[in-house]
Amino acid sequence: MFRTRFLAAALLALPLAACEVDNSQLPDGAPKSDLAADSLGDVQAALAALPSAQVLGSNEDGVPFMLKGNLDNVNGLQGIAAAFRLDASDLVMKRTTVDEQGNTHIRYGQTKNGLPVFGGELIIHKDASGKIFMANGSARDGEVVPAKARISGEAAKAAALDNTVGRHIATEGDANLLYIRSEKDSRLKLVYEVVVTGEGADLPIRD
């Protein structure tokens, strides 16, 4: 039996301090500040461009997490993604399912700066005729974040070992960069994901 958890959460103190937004680390041409949290003009414009979008739920920053209505538009996926402050080019199709009613559900994973966003998903729902009637998910953007860490993957692996208690502790594979949404302030943070194996007091460790 394995005890599992997402180790990046245990490493937040190191990666987040090392990966805080530094203008020198931002992609070329990127703006130096986020979209204002209280300025939702871009979201409202995207919603207005959809035939009949109804916001069924929004995040604390005002960006929707669920839309319903006639969402077909001339810009396709990009037109819907914009309402979530997303770019269609940052969405990677993960899988498609069809339910008993003939509705198709297309699940996209979110990326940013070419890196995955942990838990970030956008789901597009189409009826049997192919019309988009709903979009929902945890994916949203509009944030300026660094694309590169200021510590190495080896340093992250060393920190993972230092923060794990057990016997025969070792890291497995590479330290992978990704973004995770902080539970503290709900903002995207650049972190390393490191897998640690070993023996705990009661169970094998695979963190």
N, C-alpha and C. Protein backbone atom coordinates (compact mmCIF):
# COMPACT_ATOMS: atom_id res chain seq x y z
N MET A 1 0.85 -1.20 0.00
CA MET A 1 0.00 0.00 0.00
C MET A 1 0.88 1.24 0.00
N PHE A 2 0.53 2.21 -0.81
CA PHE A 2 1.31 3.43 -0.92
C PHE A 2 0.57 4.61 -0.29
N ARG A 3 1.32 5.45 0.37
CA ARG A 3 0.78 6.72 0.84
C ARG A 3 1.20 7.78 -0.17
N THR A 4 0.25 8.45 -0.76
CA THR A 4 0.57 9.39 -1.83
C THR A 4 0.07 10.79 -1.52
N ARG A 5 0.79 11.76 -2.03
CA ARG A 5 0.35 13.15 -1.98
C ARG A 5 1.15 13.92 -3.02
N PHE A 6 0.72 15.11 -3.30
CA PHE A 6 1.39 15.95 -4.29
C PHE A 6 2.49 16.71 -3.58
N LEU A 7 3.72 16.31 -3.82
CA LEU A 7 4.84 16.84 -3.05
C LEU A 7 5.07 18.32 -3.26
N ALA A 8 4.71 18.83 -4.43
CA ALA A 8 4.94 20.25 -4.69
C ALA A 8 4.31 21.11 -3.61
N ALA A 9 3.20 20.70 -3.06
CA ALA A 9 2.55 21.46 -1.99
C ALA A 9 3.44 21.54 -0.77
N ALA A 10 4.19 20.47 -0.50
CA ALA A 10 5.09 20.48 0.65
C ALA A 10 6.33 21.29 0.38
N LEU A 11 6.58 21.58 -0.89
CA LEU A 11 7.78 22.32 -1.25
C LEU A 11 7.51 23.79 -1.54
N LEU A 12 6.30 24.24 -1.24
CA LEU A 12 5.93 25.60 -1.62
C LEU A 12 6.89 26.63 -1.07
N ALA A 13 7.39 26.43 0.12
CA ALA A 13 8.25 27.44 0.73
C ALA A 13 9.48 27.70 -0.12
N LEU A 14 10.04 26.65 -0.71
CA LEU A 14 11.21 26.84 -1.55
C LEU A 14 10.88 27.32 -2.95
N PRO A 15 10.06 26.59 -3.72
CA PRO A 15 9.83 27.04 -5.09
C PRO A 15 9.15 28.39 -5.19
N LEU A 16 8.20 28.69 -4.30
CA LEU A 16 7.48 29.94 -4.44
C LEU A 16 8.37 31.11 -4.13
N ALA A 17 9.23 30.96 -3.14
CA ALA A 17 10.16 32.04 -2.84
C ALA A 17 11.12 32.22 -4.00
N ALA A 18 11.47 31.11 -4.64
CA ALA A 18 12.44 31.18 -5.73
C ALA A 18 11.80 31.58 -7.05
N CYS A 19 10.49 31.46 -7.14
CA CYS A 19 9.81 31.69 -8.42
C CYS A 19 8.82 32.84 -8.36
N GLU A 20 8.93 33.72 -7.39
CA GLU A 20 8.03 34.85 -7.34
C GLU A 20 8.20 35.68 -8.60
N VAL A 21 7.14 36.42 -8.96
CA VAL A 21 7.20 37.20 -10.19
C VAL A 21 8.36 38.19 -10.14
N ASP A 22 9.24 38.04 -11.09
CA ASP A 22 10.39 38.92 -11.25
C ASP A 22 10.33 39.37 -12.70
N ASN A 23 10.23 40.68 -12.94
CA ASN A 23 10.06 41.16 -14.31
C ASN A 23 11.16 40.67 -15.23
N SER A 24 12.35 40.44 -14.69
CA SER A 24 13.43 39.97 -15.52
C SER A 24 13.22 38.53 -15.96
N GLN A 25 12.31 37.81 -15.27
CA GLN A 25 12.05 36.42 -15.60
C GLN A 25 10.85 36.26 -16.52
N LEU A 26 10.14 37.34 -16.81
CA LEU A 26 8.92 37.24 -17.60
C LEU A 26 9.26 37.02 -19.08
N PRO A 27 8.35 36.38 -19.83
CA PRO A 27 8.58 36.19 -21.25
C PRO A 27 8.76 37.52 -21.97
N ASP A 28 9.52 37.50 -23.06
CA ASP A 28 9.75 38.72 -23.83
C ASP A 28 8.43 39.33 -24.27
N GLY A 29 8.28 40.63 -24.05
CA GLY A 29 7.09 41.34 -24.47
C GLY A 29 5.92 41.23 -23.53
N ALA A 30 6.09 40.49 -22.43
CA ALA A 30 4.97 40.33 -21.49
C ALA A 30 4.77 41.61 -20.71
N PRO A 31 3.52 41.96 -20.39
CA PRO A 31 3.26 43.14 -19.57
C PRO A 31 3.82 42.93 -18.18
N LYS A 32 4.10 44.02 -17.47
CA LYS A 32 4.73 43.93 -16.16
C LYS A 32 3.73 43.89 -15.02
N SER A 33 2.45 43.81 -15.32
CA SER A 33 1.45 43.72 -14.26
C SER A 33 0.29 42.87 -14.73
N ASP A 34 -0.46 42.34 -13.77
CA ASP A 34 -1.62 41.52 -14.10
C ASP A 34 -2.77 42.38 -14.57
N LEU A 35 -3.75 41.74 -15.18
CA LEU A 35 -5.02 42.41 -15.44
C LEU A 35 -5.62 42.77 -14.09
N ALA A 36 -6.09 43.98 -13.96
CA ALA A 36 -6.64 44.41 -12.67
C ALA A 36 -7.78 43.50 -12.27
N ALA A 37 -7.75 43.08 -10.99
CA ALA A 37 -8.76 42.14 -10.50
C ALA A 37 -10.16 42.73 -10.60
N ASP A 38 -10.26 44.08 -10.48
CA ASP A 38 -11.58 44.70 -10.50
C ASP A 38 -11.96 45.19 -11.89
N SER A 39 -11.15 44.89 -12.90
CA SER A 39 -11.44 45.29 -14.27
C SER A 39 -11.77 44.05 -15.08
N LEU A 40 -13.04 43.86 -15.36
CA LEU A 40 -13.49 42.66 -16.07
C LEU A 40 -13.99 43.00 -17.47
N GLY A 41 -13.50 44.11 -18.02
CA GLY A 41 -13.95 44.52 -19.35
C GLY A 41 -13.68 43.48 -20.41
N ASP A 42 -12.52 42.81 -20.32
CA ASP A 42 -12.19 41.79 -21.30
C ASP A 42 -13.12 40.59 -21.21
N VAL A 43 -13.46 40.21 -19.99
CA VAL A 43 -14.39 39.10 -19.78
C VAL A 43 -15.78 39.45 -20.29
N GLN A 44 -16.23 40.67 -19.97
CA GLN A 44 -17.56 41.10 -20.40
C GLN A 44 -17.65 41.19 -21.92
N ALA A 45 -16.56 41.63 -22.56
CA ALA A 45 -16.55 41.71 -24.02
C ALA A 45 -16.62 40.31 -24.63
N ALA A 46 -15.91 39.37 -24.03
CA ALA A 46 -15.93 38.00 -24.53
C ALA A 46 -17.32 37.39 -24.37
N LEU A 47 -17.97 37.67 -23.25
CA LEU A 47 -19.32 37.15 -23.02
C LEU A 47 -20.32 37.76 -24.00
N ALA A 48 -20.14 39.05 -24.29
CA ALA A 48 -21.05 39.74 -25.21
C ALA A 48 -20.93 39.19 -26.63
N ALA A 49 -19.77 38.63 -26.96
CA ALA A 49 -19.56 38.10 -28.30
C ALA A 49 -20.19 36.72 -28.48
N LEU A 50 -20.62 36.11 -27.38
CA LEU A 50 -21.29 34.81 -27.46
C LEU A 50 -22.79 35.04 -27.64
N PRO A 51 -23.47 34.18 -28.38
CA PRO A 51 -24.89 34.42 -28.70
C PRO A 51 -25.79 34.63 -27.49
N SER A 52 -25.68 33.76 -26.49
CA SER A 52 -26.56 33.90 -25.32
C SER A 52 -25.93 33.22 -24.11
N ALA A 53 -24.84 33.77 -23.64
CA ALA A 53 -24.11 33.17 -22.53
C ALA A 53 -24.66 33.65 -21.19
N GLN A 54 -24.93 32.71 -20.32
CA GLN A 54 -25.37 33.02 -18.96
C GLN A 54 -24.30 32.52 -18.00
N VAL A 55 -23.83 33.40 -17.12
CA VAL A 55 -22.82 33.03 -16.14
C VAL A 55 -23.51 32.36 -14.96
N LEU A 56 -23.21 31.09 -14.74
CA LEU A 56 -23.82 30.36 -13.63
C LEU A 56 -22.95 30.36 -12.38
N GLY A 57 -21.69 30.74 -12.52
CA GLY A 57 -20.81 30.80 -11.37
C GLY A 57 -19.51 31.49 -11.72
N SER A 58 -18.96 32.24 -10.76
CA SER A 58 -17.72 32.97 -10.98
C SER A 58 -16.77 32.75 -9.81
N ASN A 59 -15.48 32.88 -10.10
CA ASN A 59 -14.47 32.82 -9.06
C ASN A 59 -14.42 34.13 -8.29
N GLU A 60 -13.61 34.18 -7.25
CA GLU A 60 -13.52 35.39 -6.43
C GLU A 60 -13.05 36.59 -7.22
N ASP A 61 -12.24 36.35 -8.27
CA ASP A 61 -11.74 37.45 -9.08
C ASP A 61 -12.74 37.88 -10.15
N GLY A 62 -13.90 37.25 -10.19
CA GLY A 62 -14.93 37.62 -11.15
C GLY A 62 -14.89 36.86 -12.45
N VAL A 63 -13.85 36.06 -12.67
CA VAL A 63 -13.75 35.26 -13.89
C VAL A 63 -14.68 34.06 -13.77
N PRO A 64 -15.53 33.81 -14.76
CA PRO A 64 -16.49 32.70 -14.66
C PRO A 64 -15.82 31.34 -14.54
N PHE A 65 -16.53 30.40 -13.91
CA PHE A 65 -16.12 29.00 -13.96
C PHE A 65 -17.20 28.13 -14.59
N MET A 66 -18.36 28.74 -14.91
CA MET A 66 -19.41 27.99 -15.61
C MET A 66 -20.27 28.92 -16.45
N LEU A 67 -20.42 28.57 -17.72
CA LEU A 67 -21.28 29.30 -18.65
C LEU A 67 -22.31 28.35 -19.24
N LYS A 68 -23.49 28.87 -19.50
CA LYS A 68 -24.55 28.07 -20.11
C LYS A 68 -25.28 28.92 -21.14
N GLY A 69 -25.78 28.29 -22.18
CA GLY A 69 -26.51 29.00 -23.22
C GLY A 69 -26.04 28.57 -24.59
N ASN A 70 -26.36 29.37 -25.59
CA ASN A 70 -25.86 29.12 -26.93
C ASN A 70 -24.46 29.73 -27.02
N LEU A 71 -23.45 28.88 -26.99
CA LEU A 71 -22.07 29.37 -26.96
C LEU A 71 -21.36 29.23 -28.30
N ASP A 72 -22.08 28.82 -29.34
CA ASP A 72 -21.48 28.75 -30.67
C ASP A 72 -21.11 30.15 -31.13
N ASN A 73 -19.93 30.30 -31.72
CA ASN A 73 -19.48 31.62 -32.17
C ASN A 73 -18.48 31.45 -33.30
N VAL A 74 -18.26 32.54 -34.03
CA VAL A 74 -17.40 32.47 -35.22
C VAL A 74 -15.95 32.18 -34.86
N ASN A 75 -15.54 32.46 -33.62
CA ASN A 75 -14.15 32.24 -33.22
C ASN A 75 -13.93 30.87 -32.58
N GLY A 76 -14.97 30.05 -32.53
CA GLY A 76 -14.82 28.70 -32.02
C GLY A 76 -14.35 28.65 -30.58
N LEU A 77 -13.39 27.77 -30.32
CA LEU A 77 -12.89 27.58 -28.96
C LEU A 77 -12.32 28.86 -28.38
N GLN A 78 -11.63 29.67 -29.20
CA GLN A 78 -11.04 30.90 -28.70
C GLN A 78 -12.10 31.84 -28.16
N GLY A 79 -13.25 31.90 -28.81
CA GLY A 79 -14.32 32.78 -28.35
C GLY A 79 -14.80 32.41 -26.96
N ILE A 80 -14.87 31.12 -26.67
CA ILE A 80 -15.28 30.67 -25.34
C ILE A 80 -14.14 30.83 -24.34
N ALA A 81 -12.94 30.45 -24.75
CA ALA A 81 -11.78 30.54 -23.86
C ALA A 81 -11.57 31.96 -23.35
N ALA A 82 -11.83 32.95 -24.19
CA ALA A 82 -11.61 34.34 -23.80
C ALA A 82 -12.46 34.74 -22.61
N ALA A 83 -13.63 34.13 -22.46
CA ALA A 83 -14.50 34.44 -21.33
C ALA A 83 -13.92 33.95 -20.01
N PHE A 84 -12.95 33.04 -20.11
CA PHE A 84 -12.25 32.53 -18.93
C PHE A 84 -10.84 33.14 -18.84
N ARG A 85 -10.58 34.17 -19.65
CA ARG A 85 -9.27 34.80 -19.77
C ARG A 85 -8.21 33.80 -20.21
N LEU A 86 -8.61 32.87 -21.05
CA LEU A 86 -7.71 31.86 -21.57
C LEU A 86 -7.44 32.11 -23.04
N ASP A 87 -6.34 31.53 -23.53
CA ASP A 87 -6.03 31.52 -24.95
C ASP A 87 -6.18 30.08 -25.42
N ALA A 88 -6.88 29.88 -26.52
CA ALA A 88 -7.11 28.53 -27.02
C ALA A 88 -5.81 27.78 -27.27
N SER A 89 -4.74 28.50 -27.60
CA SER A 89 -3.46 27.85 -27.86
C SER A 89 -2.85 27.26 -26.60
N ASP A 90 -3.34 27.66 -25.44
CA ASP A 90 -2.86 27.11 -24.17
C ASP A 90 -3.68 25.92 -23.68
N LEU A 91 -4.65 25.50 -24.48
CA LEU A 91 -5.52 24.39 -24.10
C LEU A 91 -5.16 23.14 -24.90
N VAL A 92 -4.98 22.04 -24.19
CA VAL A 92 -4.59 20.78 -24.82
C VAL A 92 -5.72 19.77 -24.61
N MET A 93 -6.26 19.23 -25.69
CA MET A 93 -7.35 18.27 -25.55
C MET A 93 -6.86 17.01 -24.85
N LYS A 94 -7.60 16.61 -23.82
CA LYS A 94 -7.23 15.42 -23.05
C LYS A 94 -8.08 14.21 -23.44
N ARG A 95 -9.38 14.40 -23.51
CA ARG A 95 -10.24 13.29 -23.92
C ARG A 95 -11.64 13.81 -24.27
N THR A 96 -12.36 12.98 -24.99
CA THR A 96 -13.74 13.29 -25.39
C THR A 96 -14.63 12.11 -25.02
N THR A 97 -15.77 12.41 -24.42
CA THR A 97 -16.73 11.36 -24.06
C THR A 97 -18.11 11.73 -24.58
N VAL A 98 -18.93 10.72 -24.82
CA VAL A 98 -20.31 10.92 -25.26
C VAL A 98 -21.23 10.22 -24.27
N ASP A 99 -22.21 10.95 -23.73
CA ASP A 99 -23.09 10.36 -22.73
C ASP A 99 -24.30 9.68 -23.39
N GLU A 100 -25.18 9.14 -22.56
CA GLU A 100 -26.32 8.38 -23.07
C GLU A 100 -27.30 9.25 -23.85
N GLN A 101 -27.30 10.56 -23.59
CA GLN A 101 -28.19 11.48 -24.30
C GLN A 101 -27.61 11.93 -25.63
N GLY A 102 -26.40 11.50 -25.93
CA GLY A 102 -25.75 11.90 -27.17
C GLY A 102 -24.96 13.19 -27.05
N ASN A 103 -24.86 13.75 -25.83
CA ASN A 103 -24.06 14.95 -25.62
C ASN A 103 -22.57 14.60 -25.60
N THR A 104 -21.78 15.46 -26.20
CA THR A 104 -20.33 15.27 -26.25
C THR A 104 -19.65 16.21 -25.26
N HIS A 105 -18.71 15.67 -24.50
CA HIS A 105 -18.00 16.45 -23.48
C HIS A 105 -16.50 16.40 -23.80
N ILE A 106 -15.94 17.56 -24.13
CA ILE A 106 -14.54 17.65 -24.53
C ILE A 106 -13.76 18.30 -23.40
N ARG A 107 -12.78 17.57 -22.89
CA ARG A 107 -12.01 18.04 -21.73
C ARG A 107 -10.63 18.52 -22.19
N TYR A 108 -10.30 19.76 -21.83
CA TYR A 108 -9.01 20.35 -22.17
C TYR A 108 -8.19 20.59 -20.91
N GLY A 109 -6.89 20.34 -21.01
CA GLY A 109 -5.98 20.67 -19.93
C GLY A 109 -5.35 22.03 -20.20
N GLN A 110 -5.13 22.81 -19.14
CA GLN A 110 -4.57 24.15 -19.28
C GLN A 110 -3.05 24.11 -19.21
N THR A 111 -2.42 24.89 -20.06
CA THR A 111 -0.98 25.12 -19.98
C THR A 111 -0.73 26.62 -19.92
N LYS A 112 0.47 26.98 -19.52
CA LYS A 112 0.87 28.39 -19.49
C LYS A 112 2.38 28.43 -19.69
N ASN A 113 2.81 29.27 -20.61
CA ASN A 113 4.24 29.35 -20.94
C ASN A 113 4.80 27.98 -21.30
N GLY A 114 3.97 27.13 -21.90
CA GLY A 114 4.41 25.81 -22.30
C GLY A 114 4.47 24.79 -21.19
N LEU A 115 4.05 25.17 -19.98
CA LEU A 115 4.08 24.27 -18.83
C LEU A 115 2.66 23.92 -18.41
N PRO A 116 2.44 22.71 -17.88
CA PRO A 116 1.09 22.35 -17.44
C PRO A 116 0.66 23.14 -16.21
N VAL A 117 -0.64 23.37 -16.09
CA VAL A 117 -1.23 23.98 -14.90
C VAL A 117 -1.93 22.86 -14.14
N PHE A 118 -1.44 22.55 -12.97
CA PHE A 118 -1.98 21.43 -12.21
C PHE A 118 -3.45 21.67 -11.88
N GLY A 119 -4.30 20.73 -12.28
CA GLY A 119 -5.73 20.82 -11.99
C GLY A 119 -6.50 21.77 -12.87
N GLY A 120 -5.84 22.45 -13.80
CA GLY A 120 -6.52 23.41 -14.67
C GLY A 120 -7.20 22.72 -15.84
N GLU A 121 -8.52 22.77 -15.90
CA GLU A 121 -9.27 22.12 -16.97
C GLU A 121 -10.41 23.01 -17.46
N LEU A 122 -10.71 22.89 -18.73
CA LEU A 122 -11.90 23.52 -19.31
C LEU A 122 -12.66 22.44 -20.06
N ILE A 123 -13.95 22.33 -19.78
CA ILE A 123 -14.77 21.29 -20.41
C ILE A 123 -15.84 21.96 -21.28
N ILE A 124 -15.87 21.58 -22.55
CA ILE A 124 -16.85 22.08 -23.50
C ILE A 124 -17.92 21.01 -23.72
N HIS A 125 -19.18 21.40 -23.62
CA HIS A 125 -20.28 20.46 -23.75
C HIS A 125 -21.10 20.77 -25.01
N LYS A 126 -21.29 19.76 -25.86
CA LYS A 126 -22.07 19.90 -27.08
C LYS A 126 -23.27 18.96 -27.04
N ASP A 127 -24.40 19.44 -27.57
CA ASP A 127 -25.56 18.56 -27.63
C ASP A 127 -25.44 17.62 -28.82
N ALA A 128 -26.45 16.78 -29.01
CA ALA A 128 -26.39 15.77 -30.06
C ALA A 128 -26.27 16.36 -31.46
N SER A 129 -26.72 17.61 -31.63
CA SER A 129 -26.63 18.26 -32.94
C SER A 129 -25.30 18.97 -33.15
N GLY A 130 -24.46 18.99 -32.10
CA GLY A 130 -23.14 19.62 -32.22
C GLY A 130 -23.07 21.04 -31.70
N LYS A 131 -24.17 21.56 -31.18
CA LYS A 131 -24.18 22.93 -30.66
C LYS A 131 -23.60 22.96 -29.24
N ILE A 132 -22.77 23.96 -28.97
CA ILE A 132 -22.17 24.11 -27.65
C ILE A 132 -23.18 24.76 -26.71
N PHE A 133 -23.51 24.08 -25.62
CA PHE A 133 -24.52 24.61 -24.71
C PHE A 133 -23.98 24.90 -23.31
N MET A 134 -22.74 24.49 -23.04
CA MET A 134 -22.19 24.76 -21.71
C MET A 134 -20.67 24.68 -21.76
N ALA A 135 -20.02 25.46 -20.90
CA ALA A 135 -18.57 25.38 -20.71
C ALA A 135 -18.29 25.62 -19.24
N ASN A 136 -17.43 24.80 -18.67
CA ASN A 136 -17.11 24.97 -17.26
C ASN A 136 -15.73 24.42 -16.96
N GLY A 137 -15.21 24.78 -15.81
CA GLY A 137 -13.92 24.23 -15.40
C GLY A 137 -13.17 25.14 -14.45
N SER A 138 -12.03 24.64 -14.02
CA SER A 138 -11.18 25.37 -13.08
C SER A 138 -10.16 26.25 -13.79
N ALA A 139 -9.99 26.07 -15.10
CA ALA A 139 -8.98 26.83 -15.84
C ALA A 139 -9.38 28.30 -15.97
N ARG A 140 -8.44 29.17 -15.68
CA ARG A 140 -8.60 30.60 -15.91
C ARG A 140 -7.22 31.22 -15.93
N ASP A 141 -7.12 32.42 -16.50
CA ASP A 141 -5.80 33.04 -16.61
C ASP A 141 -5.93 34.54 -16.42
N GLY A 142 -5.11 35.30 -17.14
CA GLY A 142 -5.07 36.74 -16.95
C GLY A 142 -4.00 37.16 -15.98
N GLU A 143 -3.09 36.25 -15.63
CA GLU A 143 -2.05 36.54 -14.66
C GLU A 143 -0.67 36.58 -15.32
N VAL A 144 0.18 37.46 -14.82
CA VAL A 144 1.56 37.53 -15.27
C VAL A 144 2.41 36.74 -14.29
N VAL A 145 3.05 35.70 -14.78
CA VAL A 145 3.86 34.83 -13.93
C VAL A 145 5.18 34.54 -14.62
N PRO A 146 6.22 34.20 -13.86
CA PRO A 146 7.51 33.88 -14.47
C PRO A 146 7.44 32.58 -15.25
N ALA A 147 8.25 32.47 -16.28
CA ALA A 147 8.30 31.25 -17.08
C ALA A 147 9.48 30.38 -16.69
N LYS A 148 10.41 30.94 -15.92
CA LYS A 148 11.60 30.20 -15.52
C LYS A 148 11.80 30.30 -14.01
N ALA A 149 12.27 29.19 -13.42
CA ALA A 149 12.56 29.18 -11.99
C ALA A 149 13.93 29.78 -11.74
N ARG A 150 14.14 30.25 -10.51
CA ARG A 150 15.44 30.80 -10.15
C ARG A 150 16.27 29.80 -9.35
N ILE A 151 15.77 28.57 -9.21
CA ILE A 151 16.57 27.50 -8.64
C ILE A 151 16.55 26.34 -9.62
N SER A 152 17.51 25.45 -9.50
CA SER A 152 17.61 24.32 -10.42
C SER A 152 16.72 23.17 -9.97
N GLY A 153 16.50 22.25 -10.89
CA GLY A 153 15.75 21.06 -10.54
C GLY A 153 16.47 20.23 -9.49
N GLU A 154 17.80 20.22 -9.55
CA GLU A 154 18.57 19.46 -8.55
C GLU A 154 18.39 20.05 -7.16
N ALA A 155 18.33 21.38 -7.08
CA ALA A 155 18.10 22.02 -5.78
C ALA A 155 16.71 21.67 -5.25
N ALA A 156 15.73 21.59 -6.16
CA ALA A 156 14.38 21.22 -5.75
C ALA A 156 14.34 19.79 -5.24
N LYS A 157 15.07 18.89 -5.89
CA LYS A 157 15.11 17.50 -5.45
C LYS A 157 15.77 17.38 -4.08
N ALA A 158 16.83 18.16 -3.86
CA ALA A 158 17.49 18.15 -2.55
C ALA A 158 16.54 18.65 -1.47
N ALA A 159 15.77 19.70 -1.79
CA ALA A 159 14.80 20.23 -0.82
C ALA A 159 13.71 19.21 -0.53
N ALA A 160 13.31 18.45 -1.55
CA ALA A 160 12.29 17.42 -1.35
C ALA A 160 12.77 16.36 -0.37
N LEU A 161 14.02 15.97 -0.51
CA LEU A 161 14.59 14.98 0.41
C LEU A 161 14.66 15.54 1.82
N ASP A 162 15.06 16.80 1.94
CA ASP A 162 15.17 17.43 3.26
C ASP A 162 13.83 17.54 3.96
N ASN A 163 12.74 17.60 3.17
CA ASN A 163 11.41 17.79 3.74
C ASN A 163 10.62 16.48 3.87
N THR A 164 11.29 15.36 3.69
CA THR A 164 10.63 14.05 3.79
C THR A 164 11.28 13.23 4.89
N VAL A 165 10.48 12.71 5.80
CA VAL A 165 10.97 11.90 6.91
C VAL A 165 10.74 10.43 6.60
N GLY A 166 11.79 9.62 6.70
CA GLY A 166 11.67 8.19 6.44
C GLY A 166 13.03 7.57 6.23
N ARG A 167 13.02 6.31 5.83
CA ARG A 167 14.26 5.59 5.59
C ARG A 167 14.41 5.30 4.10
N HIS A 168 15.65 5.18 3.67
CA HIS A 168 15.96 4.87 2.27
C HIS A 168 15.27 5.85 1.33
N ILE A 169 15.30 7.12 1.71
CA ILE A 169 14.64 8.16 0.92
C ILE A 169 15.43 8.46 -0.36
N ALA A 170 14.72 8.55 -1.47
CA ALA A 170 15.36 8.88 -2.74
C ALA A 170 14.35 9.57 -3.65
N THR A 171 14.84 10.32 -4.61
CA THR A 171 13.95 10.93 -5.60
C THR A 171 13.87 10.03 -6.82
N GLU A 172 12.77 10.13 -7.53
CA GLU A 172 12.53 9.30 -8.71
C GLU A 172 12.27 10.20 -9.91
N GLY A 173 13.06 10.02 -10.96
CA GLY A 173 12.85 10.82 -12.16
C GLY A 173 13.32 12.25 -12.00
N ASP A 174 12.90 13.09 -12.93
CA ASP A 174 13.30 14.50 -12.95
C ASP A 174 12.38 15.36 -12.10
N ALA A 175 12.87 16.53 -11.74
CA ALA A 175 12.02 17.55 -11.12
C ALA A 175 11.36 18.33 -12.25
N ASN A 176 10.05 18.31 -12.30
CA ASN A 176 9.31 18.92 -13.40
C ASN A 176 8.66 20.23 -12.98
N LEU A 177 8.84 21.26 -13.81
CA LEU A 177 8.21 22.54 -13.54
C LEU A 177 6.75 22.52 -13.98
N LEU A 178 5.90 23.12 -13.17
CA LEU A 178 4.50 23.31 -13.52
C LEU A 178 3.94 24.45 -12.69
N TYR A 179 2.73 24.84 -13.01
CA TYR A 179 2.05 25.88 -12.23
C TYR A 179 0.98 25.23 -11.37
N ILE A 180 0.81 25.78 -10.18
CA ILE A 180 -0.24 25.33 -9.29
C ILE A 180 -0.92 26.57 -8.71
N ARG A 181 -2.21 26.49 -8.51
CA ARG A 181 -2.94 27.63 -7.96
C ARG A 181 -2.86 27.58 -6.44
N SER A 182 -2.30 28.61 -5.86
CA SER A 182 -2.07 28.65 -4.42
C SER A 182 -3.38 28.64 -3.64
N GLU A 183 -3.43 27.85 -2.57
CA GLU A 183 -4.60 27.85 -1.70
C GLU A 183 -4.65 29.13 -0.87
N LYS A 184 -3.52 29.81 -0.75
CA LYS A 184 -3.45 31.01 0.08
C LYS A 184 -4.08 32.22 -0.60
N ASP A 185 -3.71 32.47 -1.86
CA ASP A 185 -4.21 33.66 -2.54
C ASP A 185 -4.85 33.37 -3.90
N SER A 186 -4.99 32.08 -4.24
CA SER A 186 -5.66 31.65 -5.49
C SER A 186 -4.93 32.11 -6.74
N ARG A 187 -3.65 32.43 -6.62
CA ARG A 187 -2.88 32.86 -7.78
C ARG A 187 -1.97 31.73 -8.25
N LEU A 188 -1.63 31.75 -9.53
CA LEU A 188 -0.76 30.73 -10.08
C LEU A 188 0.67 30.92 -9.58
N LYS A 189 1.30 29.83 -9.19
CA LYS A 189 2.67 29.84 -8.72
C LYS A 189 3.47 28.81 -9.52
N LEU A 190 4.71 29.14 -9.80
CA LEU A 190 5.60 28.23 -10.50
C LEU A 190 6.31 27.35 -9.48
N VAL A 191 6.16 26.03 -9.61
CA VAL A 191 6.73 25.10 -8.63
C VAL A 191 7.37 23.92 -9.35
N TYR A 192 8.13 23.15 -8.59
CA TYR A 192 8.66 21.88 -9.07
C TYR A 192 7.82 20.74 -8.51
N GLU A 193 7.59 19.74 -9.34
CA GLU A 193 6.98 18.50 -8.88
C GLU A 193 8.08 17.45 -8.79
N VAL A 194 8.28 16.91 -7.60
CA VAL A 194 9.33 15.91 -7.36
C VAL A 194 8.69 14.68 -6.72
N VAL A 195 9.02 13.51 -7.24
CA VAL A 195 8.54 12.25 -6.66
C VAL A 195 9.60 11.71 -5.71
N VAL A 196 9.21 11.43 -4.47
CA VAL A 196 10.12 10.89 -3.46
C VAL A 196 9.61 9.51 -3.04
N THR A 197 10.51 8.55 -2.96
CA THR A 197 10.16 7.20 -2.52
C THR A 197 11.00 6.83 -1.30
N GLY A 198 10.53 5.85 -0.55
CA GLY A 198 11.25 5.39 0.63
C GLY A 198 10.33 4.61 1.54
N GLU A 199 10.74 4.49 2.80
CA GLU A 199 9.97 3.74 3.79
C GLU A 199 9.59 4.66 4.94
N GLY A 200 8.29 4.77 5.20
CA GLY A 200 7.81 5.53 6.34
C GLY A 200 7.67 4.65 7.56
N ALA A 201 7.13 5.20 8.62
CA ALA A 201 6.98 4.44 9.86
C ALA A 201 6.03 3.26 9.68
N ASP A 202 4.97 3.45 8.89
CA ASP A 202 3.97 2.40 8.73
C ASP A 202 3.79 1.94 7.29
N LEU A 203 4.02 2.83 6.34
CA LEU A 203 3.73 2.53 4.94
C LEU A 203 4.89 2.95 4.05
N PRO A 204 5.00 2.32 2.88
CA PRO A 204 5.97 2.81 1.90
C PRO A 204 5.63 4.24 1.50
N ILE A 205 6.65 5.00 1.16
CA ILE A 205 6.46 6.40 0.77
C ILE A 205 6.57 6.51 -0.75
N ARG A 206 5.61 7.17 -1.33
CA ARG A 206 5.71 7.59 -2.74
C ARG A 206 5.02 8.92 -2.82
N ASP A 207 5.75 9.99 -2.49
CA ASP A 207 5.20 11.34 -2.40
C ASP A 207 5.56 12.15 -3.63
